[in-house]
């Protein structure tokens, strides 16, 4: 089996207001179904290794987690090499449920944006209130980043993790670099 290759092969930028790093391959599973059904919740918790998130939240622990995507959709995060087994396990546990389980790992790119100006950089690019009272660690948003669909959350203060389609990875990386250019400080947050 060949080694997985991420969209930008671990590209990074350290010369701006924040550090931007493509994380490399991340395991991602879309689970769609009745999120109120106990079998769906139990299977998701087992696969994600964390509790069910509330609406608009992402719960993570190390390289595992669950993000609330919509009223009938979760994104389960895990190590890339665990995805196939987790998909099989989820499909087995949910065989009697109306549910969809799909490995979307290779269709996505993931970036870590780190630094004191992370809120400012993200606010320049997305129509999301990044004020510390509104966007706290664990808050999750699906939105637009300029012309690209994206989702992001803050696993901890000073860090934002961005997910986008693999096809727009270079565009999103470049947007983040432009938003983080030295001299572009707004000093709002």
N, C-alpha and C. Protein backbone atom coordinates (compact mmCIF):
# COMPACT_ATOMS: atom_id res chain seq x y z
N UNK A 1 0.84 -1.19 0.00
CA UNK A 1 0.00 0.00 0.00
C UNK A 1 0.88 1.24 0.00
N UNK A 2 0.52 2.22 -0.79
CA UNK A 2 1.31 3.44 -0.84
C UNK A 2 1.00 4.36 0.33
N UNK A 3 1.91 5.24 0.62
CA UNK A 3 1.70 6.20 1.71
C UNK A 3 0.75 7.30 1.25
N UNK A 4 -0.12 7.76 2.13
CA UNK A 4 -1.03 8.85 1.75
C UNK A 4 -0.27 10.15 1.54
N UNK A 5 -0.74 10.93 0.61
CA UNK A 5 -0.12 12.22 0.31
C UNK A 5 -1.19 13.29 0.52
N UNK A 6 -0.88 14.28 1.32
CA UNK A 6 -1.83 15.36 1.55
C UNK A 6 -1.85 16.31 0.36
N UNK A 7 -2.81 17.19 0.34
CA UNK A 7 -3.00 18.10 -0.79
C UNK A 7 -1.77 18.96 -1.07
N UNK A 8 -1.14 19.49 0.00
CA UNK A 8 0.00 20.40 -0.19
C UNK A 8 1.28 19.87 0.43
N UNK A 9 1.30 18.58 0.76
CA UNK A 9 2.50 17.93 1.27
C UNK A 9 3.14 18.68 2.44
N UNK A 10 2.32 18.99 3.44
CA UNK A 10 2.76 19.64 4.69
C UNK A 10 3.27 21.07 4.48
N UNK A 11 2.70 21.80 3.56
CA UNK A 11 3.11 23.19 3.33
C UNK A 11 2.97 23.99 4.62
N UNK A 12 3.86 24.96 4.79
CA UNK A 12 3.75 25.83 5.96
C UNK A 12 4.26 27.21 5.65
N UNK A 13 3.82 28.15 6.46
CA UNK A 13 4.24 29.54 6.34
C UNK A 13 4.44 30.08 7.75
N UNK A 14 5.61 30.62 7.98
CA UNK A 14 5.94 31.13 9.31
C UNK A 14 6.30 32.62 9.30
N UNK A 15 6.23 33.25 8.15
CA UNK A 15 6.68 34.64 8.07
C UNK A 15 5.61 35.69 8.31
N UNK A 16 4.40 35.29 8.67
CA UNK A 16 3.33 36.25 8.87
C UNK A 16 2.94 36.44 10.33
N UNK A 17 1.73 36.96 10.53
CA UNK A 17 1.22 37.21 11.87
C UNK A 17 0.91 35.92 12.62
N UNK A 18 0.71 34.83 11.87
CA UNK A 18 0.44 33.52 12.44
C UNK A 18 1.26 32.48 11.68
N UNK A 19 1.35 31.30 12.24
CA UNK A 19 1.98 30.17 11.56
C UNK A 19 0.86 29.34 10.94
N UNK A 20 1.02 28.99 9.67
CA UNK A 20 0.03 28.21 8.94
C UNK A 20 0.69 26.91 8.51
N UNK A 21 0.10 25.80 8.86
CA UNK A 21 0.67 24.49 8.54
C UNK A 21 -0.40 23.56 8.03
N UNK A 22 -0.16 22.96 6.87
CA UNK A 22 -1.05 21.90 6.43
C UNK A 22 -0.69 20.68 7.27
N UNK A 23 -1.68 20.07 7.91
CA UNK A 23 -1.40 19.01 8.88
C UNK A 23 -1.00 17.69 8.27
N UNK A 24 -1.28 17.49 7.01
CA UNK A 24 -1.07 16.18 6.41
C UNK A 24 -2.37 15.39 6.50
N UNK A 25 -2.33 14.12 6.12
CA UNK A 25 -3.56 13.32 6.10
C UNK A 25 -4.22 13.20 7.47
N UNK A 26 -5.51 13.44 7.50
CA UNK A 26 -6.33 13.32 8.71
C UNK A 26 -7.51 12.42 8.36
N UNK A 27 -7.82 11.50 9.24
CA UNK A 27 -8.98 10.64 9.02
C UNK A 27 -10.26 11.39 9.28
N UNK A 28 -11.18 11.37 8.33
CA UNK A 28 -12.46 12.06 8.45
C UNK A 28 -13.58 11.19 7.90
N UNK A 29 -14.61 11.02 8.71
CA UNK A 29 -15.76 10.20 8.33
C UNK A 29 -17.02 11.04 8.47
N UNK A 30 -17.79 11.13 7.41
CA UNK A 30 -19.09 11.78 7.48
C UNK A 30 -20.11 10.74 7.94
N UNK A 31 -20.86 11.09 8.97
CA UNK A 31 -21.95 10.24 9.46
C UNK A 31 -23.22 11.06 9.39
N UNK A 32 -24.17 10.59 8.58
CA UNK A 32 -25.47 11.25 8.46
C UNK A 32 -26.55 10.31 8.95
N UNK A 33 -27.48 10.86 9.71
CA UNK A 33 -28.58 10.07 10.22
C UNK A 33 -29.32 10.84 11.30
N UNK A 34 -30.15 10.16 12.03
CA UNK A 34 -30.91 10.76 13.12
C UNK A 34 -29.98 10.88 14.33
N UNK A 35 -29.46 12.07 14.57
CA UNK A 35 -28.49 12.26 15.65
C UNK A 35 -29.11 12.12 17.03
N UNK A 36 -30.43 12.06 17.10
CA UNK A 36 -31.11 11.84 18.37
C UNK A 36 -31.29 10.36 18.69
N UNK A 37 -31.04 9.50 17.70
CA UNK A 37 -31.20 8.05 17.90
C UNK A 37 -30.04 7.51 18.72
N UNK A 38 -30.35 6.76 19.75
CA UNK A 38 -29.32 6.21 20.65
C UNK A 38 -28.28 5.36 19.91
N UNK A 39 -28.69 4.48 18.96
CA UNK A 39 -27.67 3.69 18.25
C UNK A 39 -26.68 4.57 17.46
N UNK A 40 -27.18 5.65 16.86
CA UNK A 40 -26.31 6.57 16.12
C UNK A 40 -25.36 7.27 17.07
N UNK A 41 -25.88 7.76 18.17
CA UNK A 41 -25.03 8.43 19.17
C UNK A 41 -23.96 7.50 19.71
N UNK A 42 -24.37 6.29 20.08
CA UNK A 42 -23.44 5.32 20.65
C UNK A 42 -22.33 4.97 19.66
N UNK A 43 -22.69 4.74 18.40
CA UNK A 43 -21.71 4.41 17.36
C UNK A 43 -20.76 5.59 17.12
N UNK A 44 -21.30 6.80 17.08
CA UNK A 44 -20.47 7.99 16.85
C UNK A 44 -19.48 8.20 17.99
N UNK A 45 -19.96 8.05 19.22
CA UNK A 45 -19.09 8.22 20.39
C UNK A 45 -17.96 7.19 20.38
N UNK A 46 -18.29 5.95 20.03
CA UNK A 46 -17.27 4.90 19.97
C UNK A 46 -16.23 5.21 18.90
N UNK A 47 -16.67 5.70 17.75
CA UNK A 47 -15.75 6.00 16.65
C UNK A 47 -14.92 7.25 16.93
N UNK A 48 -15.55 8.28 17.49
CA UNK A 48 -14.86 9.55 17.71
C UNK A 48 -14.08 9.64 19.00
N UNK A 49 -14.40 8.79 19.95
CA UNK A 49 -13.65 8.79 21.21
C UNK A 49 -13.95 9.94 22.14
N UNK A 50 -15.01 10.69 21.85
CA UNK A 50 -15.43 11.81 22.70
C UNK A 50 -16.95 11.78 22.78
N UNK A 51 -17.52 12.59 23.65
CA UNK A 51 -18.97 12.69 23.75
C UNK A 51 -19.56 13.37 22.52
N UNK A 52 -20.86 13.27 22.38
CA UNK A 52 -21.55 13.95 21.28
C UNK A 52 -21.45 15.46 21.50
N UNK A 53 -21.05 16.20 20.47
CA UNK A 53 -20.99 17.66 20.62
C UNK A 53 -22.37 18.28 20.54
N UNK A 54 -22.51 19.43 21.15
CA UNK A 54 -23.73 20.22 21.00
C UNK A 54 -23.72 20.87 19.63
N UNK A 55 -24.85 21.43 19.25
CA UNK A 55 -24.94 22.15 17.98
C UNK A 55 -23.87 23.24 17.93
N UNK A 56 -23.17 23.32 16.80
CA UNK A 56 -22.16 24.35 16.60
C UNK A 56 -20.87 24.13 17.37
N UNK A 57 -20.62 22.88 17.79
CA UNK A 57 -19.43 22.58 18.58
C UNK A 57 -18.62 21.46 17.95
N UNK A 58 -17.35 21.39 18.33
CA UNK A 58 -16.45 20.30 17.96
C UNK A 58 -15.70 19.89 19.22
N UNK A 59 -15.79 18.62 19.55
CA UNK A 59 -15.07 18.09 20.70
C UNK A 59 -13.92 17.24 20.19
N UNK A 60 -12.72 17.51 20.68
CA UNK A 60 -11.56 16.73 20.25
C UNK A 60 -10.71 16.35 21.45
N UNK A 61 -10.02 15.25 21.28
CA UNK A 61 -9.04 14.79 22.26
C UNK A 61 -7.91 14.16 21.47
N UNK A 62 -6.75 14.80 21.51
CA UNK A 62 -5.61 14.39 20.69
C UNK A 62 -6.02 14.38 19.22
N UNK A 63 -5.92 13.24 18.53
CA UNK A 63 -6.23 13.20 17.10
C UNK A 63 -7.62 12.61 16.81
N UNK A 64 -8.48 12.59 17.82
CA UNK A 64 -9.83 12.05 17.66
C UNK A 64 -10.86 13.11 18.02
N UNK A 65 -12.05 12.99 17.46
CA UNK A 65 -13.08 13.94 17.82
C UNK A 65 -14.33 13.81 16.98
N UNK A 66 -15.29 14.67 17.31
CA UNK A 66 -16.55 14.73 16.57
C UNK A 66 -16.93 16.21 16.42
N UNK A 67 -17.27 16.59 15.19
CA UNK A 67 -17.75 17.95 14.90
C UNK A 67 -19.21 17.88 14.48
N UNK A 68 -20.03 18.80 15.01
CA UNK A 68 -21.44 18.91 14.63
C UNK A 68 -21.49 19.69 13.33
N UNK A 69 -21.93 19.04 12.25
CA UNK A 69 -21.97 19.68 10.93
C UNK A 69 -23.35 20.26 10.59
N UNK A 70 -24.42 19.56 10.99
CA UNK A 70 -25.79 19.99 10.72
C UNK A 70 -26.71 19.12 11.57
N UNK A 71 -28.02 19.40 11.56
CA UNK A 71 -28.93 18.60 12.41
C UNK A 71 -28.90 17.10 12.14
N UNK A 72 -28.41 16.68 10.97
CA UNK A 72 -28.35 15.24 10.69
C UNK A 72 -26.96 14.78 10.26
N UNK A 73 -25.93 15.54 10.59
CA UNK A 73 -24.59 15.20 10.11
C UNK A 73 -23.51 15.49 11.15
N UNK A 74 -22.60 14.52 11.29
CA UNK A 74 -21.41 14.66 12.13
C UNK A 74 -20.18 14.43 11.26
N UNK A 75 -19.06 15.01 11.67
CA UNK A 75 -17.77 14.70 11.07
C UNK A 75 -16.94 14.06 12.17
N UNK A 76 -16.60 12.80 11.97
CA UNK A 76 -15.80 12.07 12.95
C UNK A 76 -14.34 12.16 12.52
N UNK A 77 -13.49 12.56 13.46
CA UNK A 77 -12.06 12.74 13.21
C UNK A 77 -11.29 11.61 13.87
N UNK A 78 -10.27 11.11 13.18
CA UNK A 78 -9.43 10.06 13.73
C UNK A 78 -8.10 10.04 12.98
N UNK A 79 -7.23 9.15 13.37
CA UNK A 79 -5.99 8.99 12.61
C UNK A 79 -6.33 8.45 11.22
N UNK A 80 -5.56 8.85 10.25
CA UNK A 80 -5.82 8.46 8.87
C UNK A 80 -5.82 6.94 8.71
N UNK A 81 -4.91 6.27 9.39
CA UNK A 81 -4.80 4.82 9.25
C UNK A 81 -5.91 4.04 9.96
N UNK A 82 -6.76 4.73 10.71
CA UNK A 82 -7.87 4.09 11.41
C UNK A 82 -9.21 4.17 10.67
N UNK A 83 -9.25 4.94 9.60
CA UNK A 83 -10.53 5.24 8.95
C UNK A 83 -11.24 3.99 8.44
N UNK A 84 -10.57 3.15 7.70
CA UNK A 84 -11.23 1.99 7.10
C UNK A 84 -11.88 1.12 8.17
N UNK A 85 -11.19 0.85 9.25
CA UNK A 85 -11.74 0.05 10.33
C UNK A 85 -12.93 0.71 11.00
N UNK A 86 -12.84 2.02 11.19
CA UNK A 86 -13.94 2.75 11.83
C UNK A 86 -15.17 2.80 10.92
N UNK A 87 -14.96 2.96 9.62
CA UNK A 87 -16.08 2.95 8.68
C UNK A 87 -16.78 1.59 8.72
N UNK A 88 -16.01 0.51 8.67
CA UNK A 88 -16.59 -0.83 8.74
C UNK A 88 -17.37 -1.02 10.04
N UNK A 89 -16.78 -0.59 11.15
CA UNK A 89 -17.43 -0.72 12.45
C UNK A 89 -18.74 0.08 12.50
N UNK A 90 -18.69 1.33 12.02
CA UNK A 90 -19.90 2.16 12.01
C UNK A 90 -20.99 1.54 11.13
N UNK A 91 -20.61 1.08 9.94
CA UNK A 91 -21.60 0.48 9.05
C UNK A 91 -22.23 -0.75 9.67
N UNK A 92 -21.43 -1.55 10.37
CA UNK A 92 -21.96 -2.73 11.05
C UNK A 92 -22.92 -2.36 12.17
N UNK A 93 -22.53 -1.37 12.99
CA UNK A 93 -23.37 -0.96 14.11
C UNK A 93 -24.65 -0.27 13.66
N UNK A 94 -24.62 0.36 12.50
CA UNK A 94 -25.77 1.13 12.02
C UNK A 94 -26.52 0.45 10.88
N UNK A 95 -26.29 -0.83 10.69
CA UNK A 95 -26.91 -1.57 9.58
C UNK A 95 -28.44 -1.51 9.64
N UNK A 96 -29.01 -1.43 10.82
CA UNK A 96 -30.47 -1.39 10.96
C UNK A 96 -31.01 0.03 11.11
N UNK A 97 -30.14 1.01 10.96
CA UNK A 97 -30.53 2.42 11.06
C UNK A 97 -30.50 3.04 9.67
N UNK A 98 -31.29 4.09 9.49
CA UNK A 98 -31.21 4.88 8.27
C UNK A 98 -30.03 5.83 8.46
N UNK A 99 -28.87 5.46 7.94
CA UNK A 99 -27.65 6.25 8.16
C UNK A 99 -26.72 6.10 6.97
N UNK A 100 -25.86 7.09 6.81
CA UNK A 100 -24.84 7.09 5.77
C UNK A 100 -23.49 7.27 6.43
N UNK A 101 -22.54 6.43 6.08
CA UNK A 101 -21.18 6.51 6.63
C UNK A 101 -20.22 6.55 5.43
N UNK A 102 -19.42 7.63 5.33
CA UNK A 102 -18.54 7.80 4.17
C UNK A 102 -17.16 8.29 4.63
N UNK A 103 -16.13 7.67 4.09
CA UNK A 103 -14.76 8.12 4.31
C UNK A 103 -14.52 9.32 3.39
N UNK A 104 -14.32 10.51 3.98
CA UNK A 104 -14.07 11.72 3.19
C UNK A 104 -12.65 12.25 3.37
N UNK A 105 -11.79 11.44 3.96
CA UNK A 105 -10.43 11.87 4.29
C UNK A 105 -9.66 12.43 3.11
N UNK A 106 -9.69 11.73 1.99
CA UNK A 106 -8.89 12.14 0.84
C UNK A 106 -9.52 13.28 0.04
N UNK A 107 -10.73 13.67 0.39
CA UNK A 107 -11.40 14.77 -0.29
C UNK A 107 -11.18 16.10 0.41
N UNK A 108 -10.47 16.09 1.53
CA UNK A 108 -10.30 17.29 2.35
C UNK A 108 -8.83 17.62 2.60
N UNK A 109 -8.60 18.87 2.93
CA UNK A 109 -7.28 19.33 3.40
C UNK A 109 -7.51 20.01 4.75
N UNK A 110 -6.51 19.93 5.62
CA UNK A 110 -6.63 20.48 6.97
C UNK A 110 -5.42 21.36 7.25
N UNK A 111 -5.70 22.54 7.83
CA UNK A 111 -4.64 23.49 8.18
C UNK A 111 -4.74 23.86 9.65
N UNK A 112 -3.60 24.00 10.29
CA UNK A 112 -3.53 24.59 11.62
C UNK A 112 -3.03 26.02 11.47
N UNK A 113 -3.74 26.95 12.09
CA UNK A 113 -3.36 28.36 12.09
C UNK A 113 -3.10 28.72 13.55
N UNK A 114 -1.87 29.13 13.86
CA UNK A 114 -1.48 29.34 15.26
C UNK A 114 -0.84 30.72 15.45
N UNK A 115 -1.18 31.34 16.58
CA UNK A 115 -0.54 32.59 16.94
C UNK A 115 -1.50 33.55 17.60
N UNK A 116 -0.94 34.59 18.15
CA UNK A 116 -1.72 35.57 18.89
C UNK A 116 -2.74 36.29 18.00
N UNK A 117 -2.47 36.39 16.70
CA UNK A 117 -3.36 37.11 15.78
C UNK A 117 -4.31 36.18 15.04
N UNK A 118 -4.50 34.97 15.51
CA UNK A 118 -5.33 34.00 14.78
C UNK A 118 -6.77 34.48 14.61
N UNK A 119 -7.33 35.11 15.62
CA UNK A 119 -8.71 35.62 15.51
C UNK A 119 -8.80 36.69 14.43
N UNK A 120 -7.83 37.57 14.41
CA UNK A 120 -7.80 38.65 13.43
C UNK A 120 -7.69 38.12 12.01
N UNK A 121 -6.80 37.16 11.80
CA UNK A 121 -6.62 36.60 10.46
C UNK A 121 -7.91 35.92 9.99
N UNK A 122 -8.54 35.13 10.84
CA UNK A 122 -9.77 34.45 10.46
C UNK A 122 -10.91 35.44 10.22
N UNK A 123 -10.99 36.50 11.02
CA UNK A 123 -12.06 37.49 10.86
C UNK A 123 -11.93 38.24 9.53
N UNK A 124 -10.73 38.40 9.03
CA UNK A 124 -10.53 39.05 7.74
C UNK A 124 -11.08 38.21 6.59
N UNK A 125 -11.10 36.90 6.78
CA UNK A 125 -11.40 35.98 5.68
C UNK A 125 -12.80 35.36 5.72
N UNK A 126 -13.43 35.36 6.88
CA UNK A 126 -14.70 34.65 7.05
C UNK A 126 -15.75 35.55 7.72
N UNK A 127 -17.00 35.41 7.33
CA UNK A 127 -18.07 36.17 7.99
C UNK A 127 -18.51 35.51 9.29
N UNK A 128 -17.57 35.46 10.24
CA UNK A 128 -17.81 34.82 11.54
C UNK A 128 -17.35 35.77 12.63
N UNK A 129 -18.15 35.92 13.67
CA UNK A 129 -17.77 36.76 14.81
C UNK A 129 -16.68 36.03 15.59
N UNK A 130 -15.46 36.52 15.51
CA UNK A 130 -14.32 35.88 16.15
C UNK A 130 -14.01 36.47 17.52
N UNK A 131 -14.87 37.34 18.04
CA UNK A 131 -14.63 37.92 19.36
C UNK A 131 -14.54 36.79 20.39
N UNK A 132 -13.62 36.90 21.36
CA UNK A 132 -13.46 35.84 22.36
C UNK A 132 -14.73 35.48 23.13
N UNK A 133 -15.66 36.40 23.25
CA UNK A 133 -16.92 36.09 23.94
C UNK A 133 -17.85 35.26 23.06
N UNK A 134 -17.67 35.33 21.73
CA UNK A 134 -18.54 34.62 20.80
C UNK A 134 -17.94 33.32 20.27
N UNK A 135 -16.66 33.35 19.99
CA UNK A 135 -16.00 32.18 19.41
C UNK A 135 -14.98 31.66 20.42
N UNK A 136 -15.40 30.65 21.15
CA UNK A 136 -14.58 30.10 22.23
C UNK A 136 -14.00 28.75 21.80
N UNK A 137 -12.99 28.26 22.50
CA UNK A 137 -12.49 26.92 22.17
C UNK A 137 -13.63 25.90 22.14
N UNK A 138 -13.67 25.12 21.07
CA UNK A 138 -14.72 24.14 20.87
C UNK A 138 -15.82 24.60 19.93
N UNK A 139 -15.89 25.92 19.68
CA UNK A 139 -16.90 26.44 18.75
C UNK A 139 -16.53 26.01 17.33
N UNK A 140 -17.53 25.60 16.56
CA UNK A 140 -17.32 25.07 15.21
C UNK A 140 -18.21 25.83 14.23
N UNK A 141 -17.65 26.21 13.09
CA UNK A 141 -18.43 26.92 12.07
C UNK A 141 -18.16 26.33 10.69
N UNK A 142 -19.25 26.17 9.94
CA UNK A 142 -19.17 25.91 8.50
C UNK A 142 -19.47 27.24 7.85
N UNK A 143 -18.63 27.67 6.92
CA UNK A 143 -18.78 29.01 6.38
C UNK A 143 -18.08 29.10 5.04
N UNK A 144 -17.84 30.32 4.63
CA UNK A 144 -17.05 30.61 3.43
C UNK A 144 -15.75 31.26 3.88
N UNK A 145 -14.69 30.92 3.21
CA UNK A 145 -13.42 31.60 3.39
C UNK A 145 -13.14 32.23 2.04
N UNK A 146 -13.49 33.53 1.91
CA UNK A 146 -13.51 34.21 0.61
C UNK A 146 -14.44 33.41 -0.31
N UNK A 147 -13.92 32.79 -1.37
CA UNK A 147 -14.77 32.08 -2.33
C UNK A 147 -14.81 30.57 -2.12
N UNK A 148 -14.26 30.08 -1.04
CA UNK A 148 -14.21 28.63 -0.80
C UNK A 148 -15.04 28.23 0.41
N UNK A 149 -15.69 27.09 0.30
CA UNK A 149 -16.38 26.53 1.46
C UNK A 149 -15.32 26.02 2.44
N UNK A 150 -15.55 26.28 3.72
CA UNK A 150 -14.59 25.85 4.74
C UNK A 150 -15.34 25.63 6.05
N UNK A 151 -14.68 24.93 6.94
CA UNK A 151 -15.17 24.76 8.31
C UNK A 151 -13.97 24.94 9.22
N UNK A 152 -14.21 25.45 10.42
CA UNK A 152 -13.08 25.58 11.34
C UNK A 152 -13.56 25.60 12.77
N UNK A 153 -12.63 25.31 13.66
CA UNK A 153 -12.88 25.36 15.09
C UNK A 153 -11.59 25.71 15.80
N UNK A 154 -11.75 26.06 17.04
CA UNK A 154 -10.62 26.44 17.89
C UNK A 154 -10.43 25.33 18.93
N UNK A 155 -9.46 24.42 18.69
CA UNK A 155 -9.24 23.36 19.68
C UNK A 155 -8.73 23.91 21.02
N UNK A 156 -8.03 25.04 20.94
CA UNK A 156 -7.54 25.73 22.14
C UNK A 156 -7.30 27.18 21.77
N UNK A 157 -7.21 28.03 22.75
CA UNK A 157 -7.00 29.46 22.48
C UNK A 157 -5.71 29.64 21.68
N UNK A 158 -5.78 30.47 20.64
CA UNK A 158 -4.61 30.76 19.82
C UNK A 158 -4.38 29.78 18.68
N UNK A 159 -5.28 28.82 18.51
CA UNK A 159 -5.16 27.82 17.44
C UNK A 159 -6.52 27.65 16.76
N UNK A 160 -6.52 27.71 15.44
CA UNK A 160 -7.71 27.41 14.66
C UNK A 160 -7.34 26.30 13.69
N UNK A 161 -8.20 25.30 13.59
CA UNK A 161 -8.02 24.21 12.62
C UNK A 161 -9.06 24.40 11.53
N UNK A 162 -8.59 24.47 10.28
CA UNK A 162 -9.43 24.75 9.12
C UNK A 162 -9.52 23.49 8.25
N UNK A 163 -10.73 23.16 7.81
CA UNK A 163 -10.94 22.06 6.87
C UNK A 163 -11.55 22.66 5.60
N UNK A 164 -11.01 22.25 4.46
CA UNK A 164 -11.58 22.68 3.18
C UNK A 164 -11.50 21.51 2.20
N UNK A 165 -12.13 21.66 1.05
CA UNK A 165 -12.01 20.64 0.02
C UNK A 165 -10.57 20.62 -0.49
N UNK A 166 -10.09 19.44 -0.79
CA UNK A 166 -8.73 19.26 -1.30
C UNK A 166 -8.51 20.10 -2.57
N UNK A 167 -9.53 20.22 -3.39
CA UNK A 167 -9.41 20.94 -4.66
C UNK A 167 -9.12 22.42 -4.50
N UNK A 168 -9.42 22.99 -3.33
CA UNK A 168 -9.15 24.41 -3.09
C UNK A 168 -8.08 24.62 -2.02
N UNK A 169 -7.31 23.60 -1.72
CA UNK A 169 -6.31 23.68 -0.65
C UNK A 169 -5.28 24.79 -0.90
N UNK A 170 -4.78 24.88 -2.12
CA UNK A 170 -3.78 25.93 -2.40
C UNK A 170 -4.40 27.32 -2.26
N UNK A 171 -5.62 27.47 -2.74
CA UNK A 171 -6.33 28.74 -2.63
C UNK A 171 -6.50 29.14 -1.16
N UNK A 172 -6.94 28.21 -0.32
CA UNK A 172 -7.15 28.50 1.10
C UNK A 172 -5.82 28.79 1.79
N UNK A 173 -4.79 28.04 1.47
CA UNK A 173 -3.47 28.30 2.04
C UNK A 173 -3.00 29.71 1.67
N UNK A 174 -3.17 30.08 0.41
CA UNK A 174 -2.77 31.42 -0.04
C UNK A 174 -3.60 32.51 0.63
N UNK A 175 -4.92 32.27 0.80
CA UNK A 175 -5.77 33.23 1.51
C UNK A 175 -5.25 33.46 2.93
N UNK A 176 -4.96 32.38 3.61
CA UNK A 176 -4.45 32.49 4.98
C UNK A 176 -3.13 33.26 5.02
N UNK A 177 -2.26 33.00 4.07
CA UNK A 177 -0.98 33.73 4.02
C UNK A 177 -1.18 35.22 3.77
N UNK A 178 -2.09 35.56 2.87
CA UNK A 178 -2.36 36.98 2.60
C UNK A 178 -2.99 37.63 3.83
N UNK A 179 -3.94 36.95 4.47
CA UNK A 179 -4.57 37.48 5.67
C UNK A 179 -3.61 37.67 6.83
N UNK A 180 -2.48 36.96 6.78
CA UNK A 180 -1.49 37.02 7.85
C UNK A 180 -0.25 37.84 7.50
N UNK A 181 -0.29 38.57 6.39
CA UNK A 181 0.88 39.33 5.95
C UNK A 181 1.32 40.32 7.02
N UNK A 182 2.62 40.40 7.28
CA UNK A 182 3.11 41.43 8.22
C UNK A 182 2.70 42.82 7.72
N UNK A 183 2.29 43.66 8.64
CA UNK A 183 1.84 45.00 8.29
C UNK A 183 0.35 45.09 8.04
N UNK A 184 -0.35 43.93 8.05
CA UNK A 184 -1.79 43.95 7.82
C UNK A 184 -2.60 43.89 9.11
N UNK A 185 -1.95 44.15 10.21
CA UNK A 185 -2.61 44.09 11.51
C UNK A 185 -3.77 45.08 11.58
N UNK A 186 -4.86 44.65 12.18
CA UNK A 186 -6.00 45.52 12.41
C UNK A 186 -6.10 45.84 13.90
N UNK A 187 -5.57 44.94 14.72
CA UNK A 187 -5.55 45.09 16.17
C UNK A 187 -6.95 45.28 16.76
N UNK A 188 -7.90 44.49 16.30
CA UNK A 188 -9.26 44.57 16.80
C UNK A 188 -9.46 43.69 18.03
N UNK A 189 -8.85 42.50 18.02
CA UNK A 189 -9.03 41.56 19.13
C UNK A 189 -7.87 41.64 20.10
